[in-house]
Amino acid sequence: MRYATMLLLTCCLNLFFCGCETPEEKPRIPEEQLINVLADVHIAEAALQALRGQTKDSMSQAYYQQIYTIHGLDSVEMQQTLEALRKKPEEMKALYDKVMERVEKLNARSKDPEERD
């Protein structure tokens, strides 16, 4: 009887702990949208470099809120997506490579007057 009880308890504990495995988190924001958002964030951060103190803080809030509004996101969604990506450094690096490509294209387009029209 004691053996059967221990076996049953062991099986129950195994099922319990197997069920506690956390599922793999996937980014909540689609990759293409995330690339555009992060490119905008990169540009905003570059614009903020010349500012200091309270001005920088208020402009930073304004820029980020505008970026979230433009892309139809909120800060919680963005933080959750970035947190999921932090757990996958290879994917994060690949994503940032694409972000930098996007920023370079935007920079090149801003310097070429024919492409603005």
PDB file of N, CA and C in Angstrom:
ATOM      1  N   MET A   1       0.822  -1.195   0.000  1.00  0.00           N
ATOM      2  CA  MET A   1       0.000   0.000   0.000  1.00  0.00           C
ATOM      3  C   MET A   1       0.871   1.267   0.000  1.00  0.00           C
ATOM      4  N   ARG A   2       1.940   1.209   0.782  1.00  0.00           N
ATOM      5  CA  ARG A   2       2.830   2.351   0.873  1.00  0.00           C
ATOM      6  C   ARG A   2       3.503   2.623  -0.476  1.00  0.00           C
ATOM      7  N   TYR A   3       3.892   1.582  -1.172  1.00  0.00           N
ATOM      8  CA  TYR A   3       4.524   1.716  -2.481  1.00  0.00           C
ATOM      9  C   TYR A   3       3.560   2.363  -3.480  1.00  0.00           C
ATOM     10  N   ALA A   4       2.306   1.946  -3.485  1.00  0.00           N
ATOM     11  CA  ALA A   4       1.303   2.490  -4.398  1.00  0.00           C
ATOM     12  C   ALA A   4       1.050   3.963  -4.104  1.00  0.00           C
ATOM     13  N   THR A   5       1.029   4.329  -2.844  1.00  0.00           N
ATOM     14  CA  THR A   5       0.823   5.728  -2.459  1.00  0.00           C
ATOM     15  C   THR A   5       1.999   6.584  -2.933  1.00  0.00           C
ATOM     16  N   MET A   6       3.220   6.093  -2.716  1.00  0.00           N
ATOM     17  CA  MET A   6       4.406   6.830  -3.157  1.00  0.00           C
ATOM     18  C   MET A   6       4.444   6.966  -4.678  1.00  0.00           C
ATOM     19  N   LEU A   7       4.075   5.899  -5.376  1.00  0.00           N
ATOM     20  CA  LEU A   7       4.039   5.933  -6.835  1.00  0.00           C
ATOM     21  C   LEU A   7       3.015   6.939  -7.328  1.00  0.00           C
ATOM     22  N   LEU A   8       1.843   6.954  -6.711  1.00  0.00           N
ATOM     23  CA  LEU A   8       0.791   7.902  -7.089  1.00  0.00           C
ATOM     24  C   LEU A   8       1.235   9.335  -6.805  1.00  0.00           C
ATOM     25  N   LEU A   9       1.837   9.564  -5.657  1.00  0.00           N
ATOM     26  CA  LEU A   9       2.320  10.895  -5.292  1.00  0.00           C
ATOM     27  C   LEU A   9       3.404  11.359  -6.268  1.00  0.00           C
ATOM     28  N   THR A  10       4.323  10.468  -6.628  1.00  0.00           N
ATOM     29  CA  THR A  10       5.383  10.803  -7.575  1.00  0.00           C
ATOM     30  C   THR A  10       4.807  11.154  -8.945  1.00  0.00           C
ATOM     31  N   CYS A  11       3.834  10.387  -9.402  1.00  0.00           N
ATOM     32  CA  CYS A  11       3.196  10.675 -10.699  1.00  0.00           C
ATOM     33  C   CYS A  11       2.487  12.021 -10.669  1.00  0.00           C
ATOM     34  N   CYS A  12       1.790  12.302  -9.578  1.00  0.00           N
ATOM     35  CA  CYS A  12       1.076  13.586  -9.465  1.00  0.00           C
ATOM     36  C   CYS A  12       2.053  14.757  -9.468  1.00  0.00           C
ATOM     37  N   LEU A  13       3.149  14.614  -8.724  1.00  0.00           N
ATOM     38  CA  LEU A  13       4.156  15.683  -8.692  1.00  0.00           C
ATOM     39  C   LEU A  13       4.807  15.879 -10.056  1.00  0.00           C
ATOM     40  N   ASN A  14       5.081  14.795 -10.751  1.00  0.00           N
ATOM     41  CA  ASN A  14       5.648  14.905 -12.101  1.00  0.00           C
ATOM     42  C   ASN A  14       4.701  15.633 -13.041  1.00  0.00           C
ATOM     43  N   LEU A  15       3.438  15.301 -12.987  1.00  0.00           N
ATOM     44  CA  LEU A  15       2.451  15.984 -13.832  1.00  0.00           C
ATOM     45  C   LEU A  15       2.351  17.459 -13.473  1.00  0.00           C
ATOM     46  N   PHE A  16       2.387  17.740 -12.170  1.00  0.00           N
ATOM     47  CA  PHE A  16       2.297  19.124 -11.714  1.00  0.00           C
ATOM     48  C   PHE A  16       3.479  19.944 -12.236  1.00  0.00           C
ATOM     49  N   PHE A  17       4.691  19.419 -12.052  1.00  0.00           N
ATOM     50  CA  PHE A  17       5.869  20.176 -12.467  1.00  0.00           C
ATOM     51  C   PHE A  17       6.024  20.246 -13.982  1.00  0.00           C
ATOM     52  N   CYS A  18       5.582  19.248 -14.691  1.00  0.00           N
ATOM     53  CA  CYS A  18       5.623  19.305 -16.158  1.00  0.00           C
ATOM     54  C   CYS A  18       4.640  20.343 -16.677  1.00  0.00           C
ATOM     55  N   GLY A  19       3.536  20.508 -15.998  1.00  0.00           N
ATOM     56  CA  GLY A  19       2.530  21.491 -16.391  1.00  0.00           C
ATOM     57  C   GLY A  19       2.940  22.914 -16.083  1.00  0.00           C
ATOM     58  N   CYS A  20       3.976  23.094 -15.254  1.00  0.00           N
ATOM     59  CA  CYS A  20       4.411  24.432 -14.855  1.00  0.00           C
ATOM     60  C   CYS A  20       5.424  25.042 -15.821  1.00  0.00           C
ATOM     61  N   GLU A  21       5.777  24.322 -16.839  1.00  0.00           N
ATOM     62  CA  GLU A  21       6.743  24.829 -17.798  1.00  0.00           C
ATOM     63  C   GLU A  21       6.174  26.060 -18.488  1.00  0.00           C
ATOM     64  N   THR A  22       6.954  27.128 -18.524  1.00  0.00           N
ATOM     65  CA  THR A  22       6.471  28.358 -19.139  1.00  0.00           C
ATOM     66  C   THR A  22       6.570  28.254 -20.650  1.00  0.00           C
ATOM     67  N   PRO A  23       5.524  28.642 -21.350  1.00  0.00           N
ATOM     68  CA  PRO A  23       5.582  28.595 -22.812  1.00  0.00           C
ATOM     69  C   PRO A  23       6.542  29.665 -23.328  1.00  0.00           C
ATOM     70  N   GLU A  24       7.093  29.414 -24.489  1.00  0.00           N
ATOM     71  CA  GLU A  24       8.021  30.356 -25.094  1.00  0.00           C
ATOM     72  C   GLU A  24       7.264  31.633 -25.453  1.00  0.00           C
ATOM     73  N   GLU A  25       7.809  32.752 -24.971  1.00  0.00           N
ATOM     74  CA  GLU A  25       7.175  34.030 -25.258  1.00  0.00           C
ATOM     75  C   GLU A  25       7.524  34.472 -26.669  1.00  0.00           C
ATOM     76  N   LYS A  26       6.526  34.926 -27.379  1.00  0.00           N
ATOM     77  CA  LYS A  26       6.746  35.464 -28.721  1.00  0.00           C
ATOM     78  C   LYS A  26       6.502  36.969 -28.661  1.00  0.00           C
ATOM     79  N   PRO A  27       7.232  37.713 -29.455  1.00  0.00           N
ATOM     80  CA  PRO A  27       6.997  39.157 -29.481  1.00  0.00           C
ATOM     81  C   PRO A  27       5.533  39.461 -29.807  1.00  0.00           C
ATOM     82  N   ARG A  28       4.979  40.415 -29.109  1.00  0.00           N
ATOM     83  CA  ARG A  28       3.568  40.759 -29.276  1.00  0.00           C
ATOM     84  C   ARG A  28       3.341  41.684 -30.473  1.00  0.00           C
ATOM     85  N   ILE A  29       4.376  42.391 -30.883  1.00  0.00           N
ATOM     86  CA  ILE A  29       4.276  43.328 -31.993  1.00  0.00           C
ATOM     87  C   ILE A  29       4.904  42.656 -33.214  1.00  0.00           C
ATOM     88  N   PRO A  30       4.228  42.687 -34.363  1.00  0.00           N
ATOM     89  CA  PRO A  30       4.800  42.075 -35.574  1.00  0.00           C
ATOM     90  C   PRO A  30       6.173  42.678 -35.896  1.00  0.00           C
ATOM     91  N   GLU A  31       7.053  41.857 -36.455  1.00  0.00           N
ATOM     92  CA  GLU A  31       8.441  42.269 -36.687  1.00  0.00           C
ATOM     93  C   GLU A  31       8.563  43.542 -37.524  1.00  0.00           C
ATOM     94  N   GLU A  32       7.817  43.630 -38.613  1.00  0.00           N
ATOM     95  CA  GLU A  32       7.934  44.808 -39.495  1.00  0.00           C
ATOM     96  C   GLU A  32       7.529  46.080 -38.757  1.00  0.00           C
ATOM     97  N   GLN A  33       6.466  46.000 -37.978  1.00  0.00           N
ATOM     98  CA  GLN A  33       6.023  47.158 -37.196  1.00  0.00           C
ATOM     99  C   GLN A  33       7.069  47.493 -36.132  1.00  0.00           C
ATOM    100  N   LEU A  34       7.617  46.474 -35.500  1.00  0.00           N
ATOM    101  CA  LEU A  34       8.628  46.687 -34.469  1.00  0.00           C
ATOM    102  C   LEU A  34       9.877  47.349 -35.043  1.00  0.00           C
ATOM    103  N   ILE A  35      10.265  46.960 -36.248  1.00  0.00           N
ATOM    104  CA  ILE A  35      11.416  47.581 -36.917  1.00  0.00           C
ATOM    105  C   ILE A  35      11.154  49.073 -37.120  1.00  0.00           C
ATOM    106  N   ASN A  36       9.968  49.410 -37.589  1.00  0.00           N
ATOM    107  CA  ASN A  36       9.632  50.826 -37.807  1.00  0.00           C
ATOM    108  C   ASN A  36       9.595  51.602 -36.497  1.00  0.00           C
ATOM    109  N   VAL A  37       9.039  51.002 -35.450  1.00  0.00           N
ATOM    110  CA  VAL A  37       8.968  51.670 -34.145  1.00  0.00           C
ATOM    111  C   VAL A  37      10.376  51.905 -33.605  1.00  0.00           C
ATOM    112  N   LEU A  38      11.207  50.879 -33.630  1.00  0.00           N
ATOM    113  CA  LEU A  38      12.564  51.021 -33.098  1.00  0.00           C
ATOM    114  C   LEU A  38      13.410  51.985 -33.926  1.00  0.00           C
ATOM    115  N   ALA A  39      13.167  52.056 -35.214  1.00  0.00           N
ATOM    116  CA  ALA A  39      13.870  53.046 -36.042  1.00  0.00           C
ATOM    117  C   ALA A  39      13.465  54.458 -35.611  1.00  0.00           C
ATOM    118  N   ASP A  40      12.179  54.661 -35.373  1.00  0.00           N
ATOM    119  CA  ASP A  40      11.706  55.968 -34.894  1.00  0.00           C
ATOM    120  C   ASP A  40      12.291  56.296 -33.518  1.00  0.00           C
ATOM    121  N   VAL A  41      12.376  55.291 -32.656  1.00  0.00           N
ATOM    122  CA  VAL A  41      12.967  55.493 -31.324  1.00  0.00           C
ATOM    123  C   VAL A  41      14.436  55.881 -31.466  1.00  0.00           C
ATOM    124  N   HIS A  42      15.143  55.218 -32.342  1.00  0.00           N
ATOM    125  CA  HIS A  42      16.556  55.520 -32.572  1.00  0.00           C
ATOM    126  C   HIS A  42      16.730  56.971 -33.028  1.00  0.00           C
ATOM    127  N   ILE A  43      15.886  57.398 -33.937  1.00  0.00           N
ATOM    128  CA  ILE A  43      15.952  58.779 -34.439  1.00  0.00           C
ATOM    129  C   ILE A  43      15.603  59.770 -33.325  1.00  0.00           C
ATOM    130  N   ALA A  44      14.593  59.450 -32.527  1.00  0.00           N
ATOM    131  CA  ALA A  44      14.206  60.320 -31.407  1.00  0.00           C
ATOM    132  C   ALA A  44      15.347  60.438 -30.399  1.00  0.00           C
ATOM    133  N   GLU A  45      15.986  59.318 -30.092  1.00  0.00           N
ATOM    134  CA  GLU A  45      17.103  59.349 -29.142  1.00  0.00           C
ATOM    135  C   GLU A  45      18.257  60.197 -29.684  1.00  0.00           C
ATOM    136  N   ALA A  46      18.492  60.127 -30.973  1.00  0.00           N
ATOM    137  CA  ALA A  46      19.539  60.962 -31.574  1.00  0.00           C
ATOM    138  C   ALA A  46      19.180  62.436 -31.444  1.00  0.00           C
ATOM    139  N   ALA A  47      17.910  62.762 -31.634  1.00  0.00           N
ATOM    140  CA  ALA A  47      17.466  64.152 -31.513  1.00  0.00           C
ATOM    141  C   ALA A  47      17.568  64.644 -30.071  1.00  0.00           C
ATOM    142  N   LEU A  48      17.442  63.761 -29.112  1.00  0.00           N
ATOM    143  CA  LEU A  48      17.491  64.136 -27.694  1.00  0.00           C
ATOM    144  C   LEU A  48      18.911  64.330 -27.172  1.00  0.00           C
ATOM    145  N   GLN A  49      19.912  63.899 -27.924  1.00  0.00           N
ATOM    146  CA  GLN A  49      21.299  63.954 -27.452  1.00  0.00           C
ATOM    147  C   GLN A  49      21.760  65.364 -27.095  1.00  0.00           C
ATOM    148  N   ALA A  50      21.262  66.361 -27.788  1.00  0.00           N
ATOM    149  CA  ALA A  50      21.716  67.736 -27.546  1.00  0.00           C
ATOM    150  C   ALA A  50      21.012  68.377 -26.351  1.00  0.00           C
ATOM    151  N   LEU A  51      19.971  67.749 -25.844  1.00  0.00           N
ATOM    152  CA  LEU A  51      19.197  68.333 -24.747  1.00  0.00           C
ATOM    153  C   LEU A  51      19.695  67.830 -23.394  1.00  0.00           C
ATOM    154  N   ARG A  52      19.391  68.602 -22.347  1.00  0.00           N
ATOM    155  CA  ARG A  52      19.793  68.234 -20.984  1.00  0.00           C
ATOM    156  C   ARG A  52      18.655  68.508 -20.003  1.00  0.00           C
ATOM    157  N   GLY A  53      18.722  67.823 -18.876  1.00  0.00           N
ATOM    158  CA  GLY A  53      17.841  68.096 -17.748  1.00  0.00           C
ATOM    159  C   GLY A  53      16.369  67.877 -18.020  1.00  0.00           C
ATOM    160  N   GLN A  54      15.571  68.785 -17.478  1.00  0.00           N
ATOM    161  CA  GLN A  54      14.126  68.679 -17.545  1.00  0.00           C
ATOM    162  C   GLN A  54      13.604  68.801 -18.979  1.00  0.00           C
ATOM    163  N   THR A  55      14.273  69.596 -19.771  1.00  0.00           N
ATOM    164  CA  THR A  55      13.877  69.729 -21.174  1.00  0.00           C
ATOM    165  C   THR A  55      13.986  68.391 -21.886  1.00  0.00           C
ATOM    166  N   LYS A  56      15.099  67.696 -21.633  1.00  0.00           N
ATOM    167  CA  LYS A  56      15.308  66.391 -22.255  1.00  0.00           C
ATOM    168  C   LYS A  56      14.234  65.405 -21.795  1.00  0.00           C
ATOM    169  N   ASP A  57      13.912  65.424 -20.509  1.00  0.00           N
ATOM    170  CA  ASP A  57      12.901  64.508 -19.982  1.00  0.00           C
ATOM    171  C   ASP A  57      11.529  64.751 -20.601  1.00  0.00           C
ATOM    172  N   SER A  58      11.123  66.004 -20.675  1.00  0.00           N
ATOM    173  CA  SER A  58       9.796  66.299 -21.220  1.00  0.00           C
ATOM    174  C   SER A  58       9.732  66.029 -22.722  1.00  0.00           C
ATOM    175  N   MET A  59      10.806  66.355 -23.437  1.00  0.00           N
ATOM    176  CA  MET A  59      10.830  66.078 -24.878  1.00  0.00           C
ATOM    177  C   MET A  59      10.847  64.571 -25.128  1.00  0.00           C
ATOM    178  N   SER A  60      11.565  63.845 -24.289  1.00  0.00           N
ATOM    179  CA  SER A  60      11.619  62.388 -24.421  1.00  0.00           C
ATOM    180  C   SER A  60      10.222  61.795 -24.261  1.00  0.00           C
ATOM    181  N   GLN A  61       9.510  62.236 -23.245  1.00  0.00           N
ATOM    182  CA  GLN A  61       8.130  61.759 -23.046  1.00  0.00           C
ATOM    183  C   GLN A  61       7.258  62.082 -24.250  1.00  0.00           C
ATOM    184  N   ALA A  62       7.398  63.282 -24.764  1.00  0.00           N
ATOM    185  CA  ALA A  62       6.589  63.702 -25.914  1.00  0.00           C
ATOM    186  C   ALA A  62       6.923  62.860 -27.147  1.00  0.00           C
ATOM    187  N   TYR A  63       8.216  62.659 -27.396  1.00  0.00           N
ATOM    188  CA  TYR A  63       8.622  61.855 -28.557  1.00  0.00           C
ATOM    189  C   TYR A  63       8.095  60.427 -28.466  1.00  0.00           C
ATOM    190  N   TYR A  64       8.298  59.808 -27.299  1.00  0.00           N
ATOM    191  CA  TYR A  64       7.853  58.415 -27.151  1.00  0.00           C
ATOM    192  C   TYR A  64       6.336  58.299 -27.277  1.00  0.00           C
ATOM    193  N   GLN A  65       5.613  59.229 -26.679  1.00  0.00           N
ATOM    194  CA  GLN A  65       4.153  59.179 -26.787  1.00  0.00           C
ATOM    195  C   GLN A  65       3.712  59.344 -28.235  1.00  0.00           C
ATOM    196  N   GLN A  66       4.371  60.224 -28.958  1.00  0.00           N
ATOM    197  CA  GLN A  66       4.056  60.418 -30.365  1.00  0.00           C
ATOM    198  C   GLN A  66       4.369  59.167 -31.183  1.00  0.00           C
ATOM    199  N   ILE A  67       5.483  58.534 -30.899  1.00  0.00           N
ATOM    200  CA  ILE A  67       5.855  57.295 -31.613  1.00  0.00           C
ATOM    201  C   ILE A  67       4.806  56.218 -31.352  1.00  0.00           C
ATOM    202  N   TYR A  68       4.415  56.045 -30.088  1.00  0.00           N
ATOM    203  CA  TYR A  68       3.402  55.033 -29.757  1.00  0.00           C
ATOM    204  C   TYR A  68       2.068  55.343 -30.441  1.00  0.00           C
ATOM    205  N   THR A  69       1.703  56.609 -30.482  1.00  0.00           N
ATOM    206  CA  THR A  69       0.444  57.004 -31.125  1.00  0.00           C
ATOM    207  C   THR A  69       0.493  56.727 -32.629  1.00  0.00           C
ATOM    208  N   ILE A  70       1.577  57.113 -33.268  1.00  0.00           N
ATOM    209  CA  ILE A  70       1.729  56.903 -34.712  1.00  0.00           C
ATOM    210  C   ILE A  70       1.592  55.427 -35.065  1.00  0.00           C
ATOM    211  N   HIS A  71       2.189  54.563 -34.237  1.00  0.00           N
ATOM    212  CA  HIS A  71       2.208  53.129 -34.543  1.00  0.00           C
ATOM    213  C   HIS A  71       1.079  52.353 -33.870  1.00  0.00           C
ATOM    214  N   GLY A  72       0.198  53.056 -33.163  1.00  0.00           N
ATOM    215  CA  GLY A  72      -0.944  52.399 -32.532  1.00  0.00           C
ATOM    216  C   GLY A  72      -0.557  51.447 -31.409  1.00  0.00           C
ATOM    217  N   LEU A  73       0.426  51.835 -30.623  1.00  0.00           N
ATOM    218  CA  LEU A  73       0.918  51.001 -29.526  1.00  0.00           C
ATOM    219  C   LEU A  73       0.816  51.748 -28.206  1.00  0.00           C
ATOM    220  N   ASP A  74       1.102  51.026 -27.131  1.00  0.00           N
ATOM    221  CA  ASP A  74       1.280  51.693 -25.843  1.00  0.00           C
ATOM    222  C   ASP A  74       2.582  51.215 -25.225  1.00  0.00           C
ATOM    223  N   SER A  75       3.025  51.888 -24.172  1.00  0.00           N
ATOM    224  CA  SER A  75       4.332  51.576 -23.587  1.00  0.00           C
ATOM    225  C   SER A  75       4.367  50.173 -22.988  1.00  0.00           C
ATOM    226  N   VAL A  76       3.254  49.696 -22.466  1.00  0.00           N
ATOM    227  CA  VAL A  76       3.217  48.353 -21.877  1.00  0.00           C
ATOM    228  C   VAL A  76       3.451  47.294 -22.953  1.00  0.00           C
ATOM    229  N   GLU A  77       2.767  47.437 -24.075  1.00  0.00           N
ATOM    230  CA  GLU A  77       2.937  46.513 -25.201  1.00  0.00           C
ATOM    231  C   GLU A  77       4.400  46.484 -25.657  1.00  0.00           C
ATOM    232  N   MET A  78       4.983  47.655 -25.744  1.00  0.00           N
ATOM    233  CA  MET A  78       6.367  47.772 -26.199  1.00  0.00           C
ATOM    234  C   MET A  78       7.305  47.105 -25.198  1.00  0.00           C
ATOM    235  N   GLN A  79       7.114  47.372 -23.914  1.00  0.00           N
ATOM    236  CA  GLN A  79       7.971  46.775 -22.886  1.00  0.00           C
ATOM    237  C   GLN A  79       7.860  45.253 -22.871  1.00  0.00           C
ATOM    238  N   GLN A  80       6.658  44.737 -23.020  1.00  0.00           N
ATOM    239  CA  GLN A  80       6.462  43.282 -23.030  1.00  0.00           C
ATOM    240  C   GLN A  80       7.150  42.648 -24.232  1.00  0.00           C
ATOM    241  N   THR A  81       7.057  43.298 -25.365  1.00  0.00           N
ATOM    242  CA  THR A  81       7.710  42.780 -26.572  1.00  0.00           C
ATOM    243  C   THR A  81       9.225  42.793 -26.422  1.00  0.00           C
ATOM    244  N   LEU A  82       9.766  43.888 -25.916  1.00  0.00           N
ATOM    245  CA  LEU A  82      11.210  43.983 -25.732  1.00  0.00           C
ATOM    246  C   LEU A  82      11.698  42.990 -24.681  1.00  0.00           C
ATOM    247  N   GLU A  83      10.912  42.783 -23.641  1.00  0.00           N
ATOM    248  CA  GLU A  83      11.286  41.811 -22.607  1.00  0.00           C
ATOM    249  C   GLU A  83      11.344  40.402 -23.189  1.00  0.00           C
ATOM    250  N   ALA A  84      10.394  40.059 -24.043  1.00  0.00           N
ATOM    251  CA  ALA A  84      10.402  38.741 -24.692  1.00  0.00           C
ATOM    252  C   ALA A  84      11.634  38.599 -25.587  1.00  0.00           C
ATOM    253  N   LEU A  85      12.011  39.673 -26.256  1.00  0.00           N
ATOM    254  CA  LEU A  85      13.173  39.625 -27.155  1.00  0.00           C
ATOM    255  C   LEU A  85      14.497  39.594 -26.396  1.00  0.00           C
ATOM    256  N   ARG A  86      14.544  40.180 -25.205  1.00  0.00           N
ATOM    257  CA  ARG A  86      15.785  40.169 -24.422  1.00  0.00           C
ATOM    258  C   ARG A  86      16.210  38.753 -24.061  1.00  0.00           C
ATOM    259  N   LYS A  87      15.268  37.856 -24.018  1.00  0.00           N
ATOM    260  CA  LYS A  87      15.560  36.464 -23.684  1.00  0.00           C
ATOM    261  C   LYS A  87      16.122  35.699 -24.886  1.00  0.00           C
ATOM    262  N   LYS A  88      16.131  36.352 -26.048  1.00  0.00           N
ATOM    263  CA  LYS A  88      16.607  35.722 -27.280  1.00  0.00           C
ATOM    264  C   LYS A  88      17.616  36.658 -27.959  1.00  0.00           C
ATOM    265  N   PRO A  89      18.841  36.689 -27.478  1.00  0.00           N
ATOM    266  CA  PRO A  89      19.820  37.656 -27.991  1.00  0.00           C
ATOM    267  C   PRO A  89      20.081  37.560 -29.490  1.00  0.00           C
ATOM    268  N   GLU A  90      20.022  36.356 -30.051  1.00  0.00           N
ATOM    269  CA  GLU A  90      20.279  36.221 -31.488  1.00  0.00           C
ATOM    270  C   GLU A  90      19.184  36.916 -32.295  1.00  0.00           C
ATOM    271  N   GLU A  91      17.940  36.718 -31.867  1.00  0.00           N
ATOM    272  CA  GLU A  91      16.822  37.372 -32.560  1.00  0.00           C
ATOM    273  C   GLU A  91      16.884  38.883 -32.376  1.00  0.00           C
ATOM    274  N   MET A  92      17.276  39.317 -31.179  1.00  0.00           N
ATOM    275  CA  MET A  92      17.369  40.747 -30.891  1.00  0.00           C
ATOM    276  C   MET A  92      18.428  41.390 -31.780  1.00  0.00           C
ATOM    277  N   LYS A  93      19.571  40.725 -31.943  1.00  0.00           N
ATOM    278  CA  LYS A  93      20.628  41.269 -32.802  1.00  0.00           C
ATOM    279  C   LYS A  93      20.163  41.344 -34.251  1.00  0.00           C
ATOM    280  N   ALA A  94      19.516  40.295 -34.731  1.00  0.00           N
ATOM    281  CA  ALA A  94      19.006  40.292 -36.107  1.00  0.00           C
ATOM    282  C   ALA A  94      17.990  41.414 -36.304  1.00  0.00           C
ATOM    283  N   LEU A  95      17.149  41.622 -35.307  1.00  0.00           N
ATOM    284  CA  LEU A  95      16.148  42.685 -35.375  1.00  0.00           C
ATOM    285  C   LEU A  95      16.834  44.048 -35.438  1.00  0.00           C
ATOM    286  N   TYR A  96      17.826  44.271 -34.586  1.00  0.00           N
ATOM    287  CA  TYR A  96      18.503  45.563 -34.572  1.00  0.00           C
ATOM    288  C   TYR A  96      19.315  45.796 -35.848  1.00  0.00           C
ATOM    289  N   ASP A  97      19.804  44.736 -36.463  1.00  0.00           N
ATOM    290  CA  ASP A  97      20.459  44.896 -37.765  1.00  0.00           C
ATOM    291  C   ASP A  97      19.455  45.450 -38.781  1.00  0.00           C
ATOM    292  N   LYS A  98      18.238  44.929 -38.748  1.00  0.00           N
ATOM    293  CA  LYS A  98      17.188  45.418 -39.653  1.00  0.00           C
ATOM    294  C   LYS A  98      16.788  46.848 -39.307  1.00  0.00           C
ATOM    295  N   VAL A  99      16.772  47.165 -38.021  1.00  0.00           N
ATOM    296  CA  VAL A  99      16.449  48.532 -37.597  1.00  0.00           C
ATOM    297  C   VAL A  99      17.498  49.495 -38.135  1.00  0.00           C
ATOM    298  N   MET A 100      18.772  49.132 -38.018  1.00  0.00           N
ATOM    299  CA  MET A 100      19.832  50.008 -38.502  1.00  0.00           C
ATOM    300  C   MET A 100      19.773  50.171 -40.021  1.00  0.00           C
ATOM    301  N   GLU A 101      19.414  49.112 -40.737  1.00  0.00           N
ATOM    302  CA  GLU A 101      19.211  49.230 -42.186  1.00  0.00           C
ATOM    303  C   GLU A 101      18.116  50.239 -42.482  1.00  0.00           C
ATOM    304  N   ARG A 102      17.026  50.160 -41.729  1.00  0.00           N
ATOM    305  CA  ARG A 102      15.893  51.076 -41.911  1.00  0.00           C
ATOM    306  C   ARG A 102      16.321  52.515 -41.637  1.00  0.00           C
ATOM    307  N   VAL A 103      17.070  52.724 -40.561  1.00  0.00           N
ATOM    308  CA  VAL A 103      17.543  54.073 -40.219  1.00  0.00           C
ATOM    309  C   VAL A 103      18.458  54.606 -41.314  1.00  0.00           C
ATOM    310  N   GLU A 104      19.339  53.767 -41.822  1.00  0.00           N
ATOM    311  CA  GLU A 104      20.238  54.192 -42.893  1.00  0.00           C
ATOM    312  C   GLU A 104      19.470  54.568 -44.152  1.00  0.00           C
ATOM    313  N   LYS A 105      18.427  53.804 -44.482  1.00  0.00           N
ATOM    314  CA  LYS A 105      17.596  54.139 -45.651  1.00  0.00           C
ATOM    315  C   LYS A 105      16.897  55.476 -45.448  1.00  0.00           C
ATOM    316  N   LEU A 106      16.358  55.693 -44.241  1.00  0.00           N
ATOM    317  CA  LEU A 106      15.685  56.967 -43.955  1.00  0.00           C
ATOM    318  C   LEU A 106      16.677  58.119 -44.020  1.00  0.00           C
ATOM    319  N   ASN A 107      17.873  57.910 -43.521  1.00  0.00           N
ATOM    320  CA  ASN A 107      18.903  58.938 -43.547  1.00  0.00           C
ATOM    321  C   ASN A 107      19.308  59.255 -44.980  1.00  0.00           C
ATOM    322  N   ALA A 108      19.488  58.229 -45.794  1.00  0.00           N
ATOM    323  CA  ALA A 108      19.857  58.441 -47.194  1.00  0.00           C
ATOM    324  C   ALA A 108      18.751  59.177 -47.935  1.00  0.00           C
ATOM    325  N   ARG A 109      17.503  58.810 -47.645  1.00  0.00           N
ATOM    326  CA  ARG A 109      16.377  59.454 -48.317  1.00  0.00           C
ATOM    327  C   ARG A 109      16.270  60.926 -47.908  1.00  0.00           C
ATOM    328  N   SER A 110      16.593  61.249 -46.663  1.00  0.00           N
ATOM    329  CA  SER A 110      16.503  62.638 -46.210  1.00  0.00           C
ATOM    330  C   SER A 110      17.596  63.492 -46.848  1.00  0.00           C
ATOM    331  N   LYS A 111      18.684  62.875 -47.266  1.00  0.00           N
ATOM    332  CA  LYS A 111      19.775  63.627 -47.899  1.00  0.00           C
ATOM    333  C   LYS A 111      19.589  63.774 -49.412  1.00  0.00           C
ATOM    334  N   ASP A 112      18.741  62.934 -50.003  1.00  0.00           N
ATOM    335  CA  ASP A 112      18.506  62.962 -51.449  1.00  0.00           C
ATOM    336  C   ASP A 112      17.236  63.751 -51.742  1.00  0.00           C
ATOM    337  N   PRO A 113      17.352  64.989 -52.253  1.00  0.00           N
ATOM    338  CA  PRO A 113      16.170  65.835 -52.485  1.00  0.00           C
ATOM    339  C   PRO A 113      15.176  65.241 -53.480  1.00  0.00           C
ATOM    340  N   GLU A 114      15.635  64.441 -54.427  1.00  0.00           N
ATOM    341  CA  GLU A 114      14.722  63.866 -55.426  1.00  0.00           C
ATOM    342  C   GLU A 114      13.777  62.842 -54.802  1.00  0.00           C
ATOM    343  N   GLU A 115      14.220  62.128 -53.772  1.00  0.00           N
ATOM    344  CA  GLU A 115      13.390  61.110 -53.156  1.00  0.00           C
ATOM    345  C   GLU A 115      12.334  61.694 -52.232  1.00  0.00           C
ATOM    346  N   ARG A 116      12.471  62.945 -51.829  1.00  0.00           N
ATOM    347  CA  ARG A 116      11.497  63.569 -50.918  1.00  0.00           C
ATOM    348  C   ARG A 116      10.189  63.885 -51.608  1.00  0.00           C
ATOM    349  N   ASP A 117      10.222  64.144 -52.883  1.00  0.00           N
ATOM    350  CA  ASP A 117       9.001  64.540 -53.607  1.00  0.00           C
ATOM    351  C   ASP A 117       8.082  63.418 -53.856  1.00  0.00           C
TER     352      ASP A 117
END
